[in-house]
Amino acid sequence: MFSSLIQRAGSLLALTMALAVPAQAQTTGPEALIRQLSTEVIDTVKADKAIQAGDVGRIVTLVDTKVMPNVNFQRMTASAVGRHWRTATPEQQKRLQDEFKILLVRTYAGALTQVKDQTVQLKPFRGGADDTEVVVKTEIKGKGEPIQLDYRLEKGATGWKIYDVNVLGVWLVEQYRNSFAQEIGAVGLDGLITKLADKNKAAAAKG
């Protein structure tokens, strides 16, 4: 159950973030940011033959340096772990963040090889100028039906950062929270950390 839920959530999140945001100065509003940077990532992948060929090291480096700096990763991890985050020790919190990040980076890396002819179209934005948390709605268009993507962003001291993504009506942090809660209920918080670490080691061994 845990493995299948994680795979499903990871695959959806990978699709969204593979088409999402690289790191750069965030001086624009959230809507313009998503539009501009989505296009930049797609163009980069399309121009990089090594990524298209599945060069794992190059892909992981790209995701880790370009995507992750634009995610509020502590908030994402804490939200995914849910109420158990508050009772976790600082060491457990660090290990959870480290393993969760590795899981997502490798999942994003796999998704980058699938970028072909997609384009991003933003829907009307309803946020206000003084808002510090907003939702930016987009669609990914390519072959087949458009894919609905909604981004939750928050404005902090360093600019706008993503902390959750909705794919076809599913908020992905909630999806992880449900699977993590089941695992914690079965084997505890340390058991969840071990499961994530084992999954990451297995993925690394496959290259």
C-alpha atoms as a PDB file:
ATOM      1  CA  MET A   1       0.000   0.000   0.000  1.00  0.00           C
ATOM      2  CA  PHE A   2       2.701   2.491   1.004  1.00  0.00           C
ATOM      3  CA  SER A   3       4.776   1.822  -2.110  1.00  0.00           C
ATOM      4  CA  SER A   4       1.862   2.116  -4.537  1.00  0.00           C
ATOM      5  CA  LEU A   5       0.564   5.340  -3.001  1.00  0.00           C
ATOM      6  CA  ILE A   6       4.006   6.930  -2.983  1.00  0.00           C
ATOM      7  CA  GLN A   7       4.573   5.921  -6.598  1.00  0.00           C
ATOM      8  CA  ARG A   8       1.258   7.417  -7.665  1.00  0.00           C
ATOM      9  CA  ALA A   9       1.795  10.667  -5.794  1.00  0.00           C
ATOM     10  CA  GLY A  10       5.414  10.867  -6.884  1.00  0.00           C
ATOM     11  CA  SER A  11       4.548  10.406 -10.530  1.00  0.00           C
ATOM     12  CA  LEU A  12       1.967  13.192 -10.415  1.00  0.00           C
ATOM     13  CA  LEU A  13       4.272  15.526  -8.538  1.00  0.00           C
ATOM     14  CA  ALA A  14       7.091  14.769 -10.932  1.00  0.00           C
ATOM     15  CA  LEU A  15       5.018  15.798 -13.925  1.00  0.00           C
ATOM     16  CA  THR A  16       4.144  19.114 -12.354  1.00  0.00           C
ATOM     17  CA  MET A  17       7.568  20.028 -11.060  1.00  0.00           C
ATOM     18  CA  ALA A  18       9.447  18.888 -14.119  1.00  0.00           C
ATOM     19  CA  LEU A  19       7.568  21.653 -15.892  1.00  0.00           C
ATOM     20  CA  ALA A  20       7.870  24.092 -13.034  1.00  0.00           C
ATOM     21  CA  VAL A  21      10.529  26.457 -11.779  1.00  0.00           C
ATOM     22  CA  PRO A  22      14.307  26.862 -11.904  1.00  0.00           C
ATOM     23  CA  ALA A  23      16.116  29.127  -9.446  1.00  0.00           C
ATOM     24  CA  GLN A  24      16.528  32.800 -10.232  1.00  0.00           C
ATOM     25  CA  ALA A  25      15.821  36.153  -8.639  1.00  0.00           C
ATOM     26  CA  GLN A  26      12.142  36.280  -7.820  1.00  0.00           C
ATOM     27  CA  THR A  27      11.218  39.883  -8.475  1.00  0.00           C
ATOM     28  CA  THR A  28       7.912  39.295 -10.263  1.00  0.00           C
ATOM     29  CA  GLY A  29       4.468  38.294  -9.043  1.00  0.00           C
ATOM     30  CA  PRO A  30       3.555  34.629  -8.665  1.00  0.00           C
ATOM     31  CA  GLU A  31       1.609  34.387 -11.935  1.00  0.00           C
ATOM     32  CA  ALA A  32       4.358  35.925 -14.060  1.00  0.00           C
ATOM     33  CA  LEU A  33       6.925  33.815 -12.231  1.00  0.00           C
ATOM     34  CA  ILE A  34       5.209  30.534 -13.040  1.00  0.00           C
ATOM     35  CA  ARG A  35       4.685  31.540 -16.672  1.00  0.00           C
ATOM     36  CA  GLN A  36       8.262  32.673 -17.243  1.00  0.00           C
ATOM     37  CA  LEU A  37      10.052  29.913 -15.430  1.00  0.00           C
ATOM     38  CA  SER A  38       7.865  27.086 -16.685  1.00  0.00           C
ATOM     39  CA  THR A  39       8.825  28.077 -20.206  1.00  0.00           C
ATOM     40  CA  GLU A  40      12.516  28.277 -19.271  1.00  0.00           C
ATOM     41  CA  VAL A  41      12.598  24.757 -17.839  1.00  0.00           C
ATOM     42  CA  ILE A  42      10.793  23.259 -20.812  1.00  0.00           C
ATOM     43  CA  ASP A  43      13.156  24.992 -23.237  1.00  0.00           C
ATOM     44  CA  THR A  44      16.212  23.849 -21.258  1.00  0.00           C
ATOM     45  CA  VAL A  45      15.129  20.218 -21.287  1.00  0.00           C
ATOM     46  CA  LYS A  46      14.258  20.287 -24.975  1.00  0.00           C
ATOM     47  CA  ALA A  47      17.732  21.653 -25.782  1.00  0.00           C
ATOM     48  CA  ASP A  48      19.667  19.217 -23.567  1.00  0.00           C
ATOM     49  CA  LYS A  49      20.337  15.913 -25.363  1.00  0.00           C
ATOM     50  CA  ALA A  50      21.881  14.358 -22.243  1.00  0.00           C
ATOM     51  CA  ILE A  51      18.690  14.891 -20.240  1.00  0.00           C
ATOM     52  CA  GLN A  52      16.568  13.550 -23.068  1.00  0.00           C
ATOM     53  CA  ALA A  53      18.808  10.486 -23.208  1.00  0.00           C
ATOM     54  CA  GLY A  54      18.274   9.855 -19.489  1.00  0.00           C
ATOM     55  CA  ASP A  55      21.628  10.938 -18.024  1.00  0.00           C
ATOM     56  CA  VAL A  56      20.640  10.473 -14.362  1.00  0.00           C
ATOM     57  CA  GLY A  57      23.534  12.445 -12.851  1.00  0.00           C
ATOM     58  CA  ARG A  58      22.919  15.438 -15.102  1.00  0.00           C
ATOM     59  CA  ILE A  59      19.188  15.315 -14.488  1.00  0.00           C
ATOM     60  CA  VAL A  60      19.508  15.060 -10.714  1.00  0.00           C
ATOM     61  CA  THR A  61      21.917  18.002 -10.671  1.00  0.00           C
ATOM     62  CA  LEU A  62      19.555  20.082 -12.784  1.00  0.00           C
ATOM     63  CA  VAL A  63      16.571  19.352 -10.551  1.00  0.00           C
ATOM     64  CA  ASP A  64      18.503  19.842  -7.317  1.00  0.00           C
ATOM     65  CA  THR A  65      19.974  23.178  -8.385  1.00  0.00           C
ATOM     66  CA  LYS A  66      17.124  24.624 -10.436  1.00  0.00           C
ATOM     67  CA  VAL A  67      13.878  23.333  -8.951  1.00  0.00           C
ATOM     68  CA  MET A  68      14.426  22.682  -5.262  1.00  0.00           C
ATOM     69  CA  PRO A  69      15.584  26.220  -4.323  1.00  0.00           C
ATOM     70  CA  ASN A  70      12.134  27.439  -5.351  1.00  0.00           C
ATOM     71  CA  VAL A  71      10.252  25.070  -3.040  1.00  0.00           C
ATOM     72  CA  ASN A  72       9.566  25.664   0.649  1.00  0.00           C
ATOM     73  CA  PHE A  73      10.779  22.201   1.396  1.00  0.00           C
ATOM     74  CA  GLN A  74      10.497  22.328   5.173  1.00  0.00           C
ATOM     75  CA  ARG A  75       6.839  23.322   4.940  1.00  0.00           C
ATOM     76  CA  MET A  76       6.189  20.649   2.316  1.00  0.00           C
ATOM     77  CA  THR A  77       7.795  17.933   4.443  1.00  0.00           C
ATOM     78  CA  ALA A  78       6.086  19.065   7.651  1.00  0.00           C
ATOM     79  CA  SER A  79       2.713  19.133   5.900  1.00  0.00           C
ATOM     80  CA  ALA A  80       3.266  15.675   4.418  1.00  0.00           C
ATOM     81  CA  VAL A  81       4.208  14.197   7.803  1.00  0.00           C
ATOM     82  CA  GLY A  82       1.247  15.942   9.441  1.00  0.00           C
ATOM     83  CA  ARG A  83       0.738  16.004  13.205  1.00  0.00           C
ATOM     84  CA  HIS A  84       3.673  13.631  13.721  1.00  0.00           C
ATOM     85  CA  TRP A  85       6.061  16.423  12.648  1.00  0.00           C
ATOM     86  CA  ARG A  86       5.426  18.266  15.911  1.00  0.00           C
ATOM     87  CA  THR A  87       6.502  15.279  18.017  1.00  0.00           C
ATOM     88  CA  ALA A  88       9.511  14.365  15.862  1.00  0.00           C
ATOM     89  CA  THR A  89      12.950  15.123  17.264  1.00  0.00           C
ATOM     90  CA  PRO A  90      15.184  17.609  15.396  1.00  0.00           C
ATOM     91  CA  GLU A  91      17.226  14.653  14.140  1.00  0.00           C
ATOM     92  CA  GLN A  92      14.107  12.870  12.851  1.00  0.00           C
ATOM     93  CA  GLN A  93      12.924  16.058  11.151  1.00  0.00           C
ATOM     94  CA  LYS A  94      16.273  16.459   9.422  1.00  0.00           C
ATOM     95  CA  ARG A  95      16.311  12.832   8.268  1.00  0.00           C
ATOM     96  CA  LEU A  96      12.748  13.124   6.987  1.00  0.00           C
ATOM     97  CA  GLN A  97      13.602  16.235   4.988  1.00  0.00           C
ATOM     98  CA  ASP A  98      16.772  14.671   3.591  1.00  0.00           C
ATOM     99  CA  GLU A  99      15.116  11.415   2.497  1.00  0.00           C
ATOM    100  CA  PHE A 100      11.954  13.101   1.211  1.00  0.00           C
ATOM    101  CA  LYS A 101      14.062  15.499  -0.846  1.00  0.00           C
ATOM    102  CA  ILE A 102      16.067  12.655  -2.391  1.00  0.00           C
ATOM    103  CA  LEU A 103      12.833  10.842  -3.215  1.00  0.00           C
ATOM    104  CA  LEU A 104      11.365  13.865  -4.961  1.00  0.00           C
ATOM    105  CA  VAL A 105      14.565  14.829  -6.784  1.00  0.00           C
ATOM    106  CA  ARG A 106      14.907  11.385  -8.333  1.00  0.00           C
ATOM    107  CA  THR A 107      11.216  11.318  -9.190  1.00  0.00           C
ATOM    108  CA  TYR A 108      11.475  14.723 -10.886  1.00  0.00           C
ATOM    109  CA  ALA A 109      14.553  13.493 -12.725  1.00  0.00           C
ATOM    110  CA  GLY A 110      12.610  10.668 -14.290  1.00  0.00           C
ATOM    111  CA  ALA A 111       9.864  13.023 -15.368  1.00  0.00           C
ATOM    112  CA  LEU A 112      12.266  15.399 -17.119  1.00  0.00           C
ATOM    113  CA  THR A 113      13.056  12.766 -19.738  1.00  0.00           C
ATOM    114  CA  GLN A 114       9.360  12.778 -20.689  1.00  0.00           C
ATOM    115  CA  VAL A 115       9.226  16.468 -21.612  1.00  0.00           C
ATOM    116  CA  LYS A 116       8.599  16.675 -25.367  1.00  0.00           C
ATOM    117  CA  ASP A 117       6.261  19.228 -26.920  1.00  0.00           C
ATOM    118  CA  GLN A 118       4.349  20.462 -23.889  1.00  0.00           C
ATOM    119  CA  THR A 119       3.414  24.088 -23.362  1.00  0.00           C
ATOM    120  CA  VAL A 120       2.062  25.902 -20.288  1.00  0.00           C
ATOM    121  CA  GLN A 121      -1.076  28.038 -20.314  1.00  0.00           C
ATOM    122  CA  LEU A 122      -2.075  30.085 -17.273  1.00  0.00           C
ATOM    123  CA  LYS A 123      -5.697  30.515 -16.236  1.00  0.00           C
ATOM    124  CA  PRO A 124      -7.095  33.840 -14.951  1.00  0.00           C
ATOM    125  CA  PHE A 125      -5.366  34.838 -11.710  1.00  0.00           C
ATOM    126  CA  ARG A 126      -7.507  35.995  -8.781  1.00  0.00           C
ATOM    127  CA  GLY A 127      -4.863  36.885  -6.213  1.00  0.00           C
ATOM    128  CA  GLY A 128      -4.562  40.349  -4.731  1.00  0.00           C
ATOM    129  CA  ALA A 129      -1.507  42.586  -4.633  1.00  0.00           C
ATOM    130  CA  ASP A 130      -1.184  42.226  -0.851  1.00  0.00           C
ATOM    131  CA  ASP A 131      -1.688  38.452  -0.686  1.00  0.00           C
ATOM    132  CA  THR A 132       1.142  36.412   0.814  1.00  0.00           C
ATOM    133  CA  GLU A 133      -0.350  33.019  -0.144  1.00  0.00           C
ATOM    134  CA  VAL A 134      -1.931  32.423  -3.549  1.00  0.00           C
ATOM    135  CA  VAL A 135      -2.984  29.733  -5.980  1.00  0.00           C
ATOM    136  CA  VAL A 136      -1.793  29.945  -9.598  1.00  0.00           C
ATOM    137  CA  LYS A 137      -3.810  27.771 -11.958  1.00  0.00           C
ATOM    138  CA  THR A 138      -2.336  26.404 -15.184  1.00  0.00           C
ATOM    139  CA  GLU A 139      -2.787  23.741 -17.815  1.00  0.00           C
ATOM    140  CA  ILE A 140      -0.086  21.665 -19.471  1.00  0.00           C
ATOM    141  CA  LYS A 141      -0.934  21.138 -23.123  1.00  0.00           C
ATOM    142  CA  GLY A 142       0.598  18.622 -25.475  1.00  0.00           C
ATOM    143  CA  LYS A 143      -0.668  15.426 -27.026  1.00  0.00           C
ATOM    144  CA  GLY A 144      -3.880  14.236 -25.438  1.00  0.00           C
ATOM    145  CA  GLU A 145      -6.085  16.017 -22.937  1.00  0.00           C
ATOM    146  CA  PRO A 146      -4.760  19.102 -21.096  1.00  0.00           C
ATOM    147  CA  ILE A 147      -3.523  18.437 -17.560  1.00  0.00           C
ATOM    148  CA  GLN A 148      -4.811  20.736 -14.808  1.00  0.00           C
ATOM    149  CA  LEU A 149      -2.077  22.096 -12.516  1.00  0.00           C
ATOM    150  CA  ASP A 150      -2.643  24.423  -9.589  1.00  0.00           C
ATOM    151  CA  TYR A 151       0.297  25.759  -7.577  1.00  0.00           C
ATOM    152  CA  ARG A 152       0.118  26.971  -3.988  1.00  0.00           C
ATOM    153  CA  LEU A 153       2.780  29.593  -3.379  1.00  0.00           C
ATOM    154  CA  GLU A 154       3.763  31.660  -0.365  1.00  0.00           C
ATOM    155  CA  LYS A 155       5.682  34.912  -0.253  1.00  0.00           C
ATOM    156  CA  GLY A 156       8.616  34.976   2.140  1.00  0.00           C
ATOM    157  CA  ALA A 157      11.751  37.020   2.685  1.00  0.00           C
ATOM    158  CA  THR A 158      13.395  35.574  -0.438  1.00  0.00           C
ATOM    159  CA  GLY A 159      10.364  35.759  -2.723  1.00  0.00           C
ATOM    160  CA  TRP A 160       7.656  33.368  -3.837  1.00  0.00           C
ATOM    161  CA  LYS A 161       8.052  29.640  -3.243  1.00  0.00           C
ATOM    162  CA  ILE A 162       5.880  26.627  -4.059  1.00  0.00           C
ATOM    163  CA  TYR A 163       4.657  24.490  -1.193  1.00  0.00           C
ATOM    164  CA  ASP A 164       1.981  22.299  -2.816  1.00  0.00           C
ATOM    165  CA  VAL A 165       0.701  21.303  -6.245  1.00  0.00           C
ATOM    166  CA  ASN A 166      -2.744  20.158  -7.374  1.00  0.00           C
ATOM    167  CA  VAL A 167      -2.906  17.727 -10.294  1.00  0.00           C
ATOM    168  CA  LEU A 168      -6.361  16.905 -11.645  1.00  0.00           C
ATOM    169  CA  GLY A 169      -7.989  17.795  -8.340  1.00  0.00           C
ATOM    170  CA  VAL A 170      -5.452  16.073  -6.062  1.00  0.00           C
ATOM    171  CA  TRP A 171      -3.302  18.182  -3.727  1.00  0.00           C
ATOM    172  CA  LEU A 172      -0.102  16.169  -3.623  1.00  0.00           C
ATOM    173  CA  VAL A 173       1.049  17.005  -0.109  1.00  0.00           C
ATOM    174  CA  GLU A 174      -2.253  15.592   1.115  1.00  0.00           C
ATOM    175  CA  GLN A 175      -1.619  12.470  -0.959  1.00  0.00           C
ATOM    176  CA  TYR A 176       1.754  12.002   0.697  1.00  0.00           C
ATOM    177  CA  ARG A 177       0.253  12.774   4.111  1.00  0.00           C
ATOM    178  CA  ASN A 178      -2.241   9.927   3.752  1.00  0.00           C
ATOM    179  CA  SER A 179       0.412   7.389   2.755  1.00  0.00           C
ATOM    180  CA  PHE A 180       2.876   8.586   5.381  1.00  0.00           C
ATOM    181  CA  ALA A 181       0.199   8.380   8.095  1.00  0.00           C
ATOM    182  CA  GLN A 182      -0.482   4.755   7.197  1.00  0.00           C
ATOM    183  CA  GLU A 183       3.199   3.914   7.367  1.00  0.00           C
ATOM    184  CA  ILE A 184       3.734   5.740  10.658  1.00  0.00           C
ATOM    185  CA  GLY A 185       0.729   3.937  12.119  1.00  0.00           C
ATOM    186  CA  ALA A 186       2.235   0.606  11.132  1.00  0.00           C
ATOM    187  CA  VAL A 187       5.944   1.014  11.946  1.00  0.00           C
ATOM    188  CA  GLY A 188       6.363   4.435  13.555  1.00  0.00           C
ATOM    189  CA  LEU A 189       8.222   7.552  12.476  1.00  0.00           C
ATOM    190  CA  ASP A 190      11.607   5.841  12.374  1.00  0.00           C
ATOM    191  CA  GLY A 191      10.038   3.092  10.278  1.00  0.00           C
ATOM    192  CA  LEU A 192       8.873   5.671   7.740  1.00  0.00           C
ATOM    193  CA  ILE A 193      12.370   7.153   7.585  1.00  0.00           C
ATOM    194  CA  THR A 194      13.827   3.686   7.024  1.00  0.00           C
ATOM    195  CA  LYS A 195      11.318   2.973   4.240  1.00  0.00           C
ATOM    196  CA  LEU A 196      12.199   6.221   2.480  1.00  0.00           C
ATOM    197  CA  ALA A 197      15.932   5.578   2.863  1.00  0.00           C
ATOM    198  CA  ASP A 198      15.601   2.029   1.501  1.00  0.00           C
ATOM    199  CA  LYS A 199      13.584   3.262  -1.461  1.00  0.00           C
ATOM    200  CA  ASN A 200      16.195   5.919  -2.228  1.00  0.00           C
ATOM    201  CA  LYS A 201      19.072   3.436  -1.964  1.00  0.00           C
ATOM    202  CA  ALA A 202      17.308   1.038  -4.322  1.00  0.00           C
ATOM    203  CA  ALA A 203      16.722   3.819  -6.838  1.00  0.00           C
ATOM    204  CA  ALA A 204      20.363   4.933  -6.630  1.00  0.00           C
ATOM    205  CA  ALA A 205      21.571   1.371  -7.197  1.00  0.00           C
ATOM    206  CA  LYS A 206      19.565   1.205 -10.424  1.00  0.00           C
ATOM    207  CA  GLY A 207      21.294   4.387 -11.629  1.00  0.00           C
END
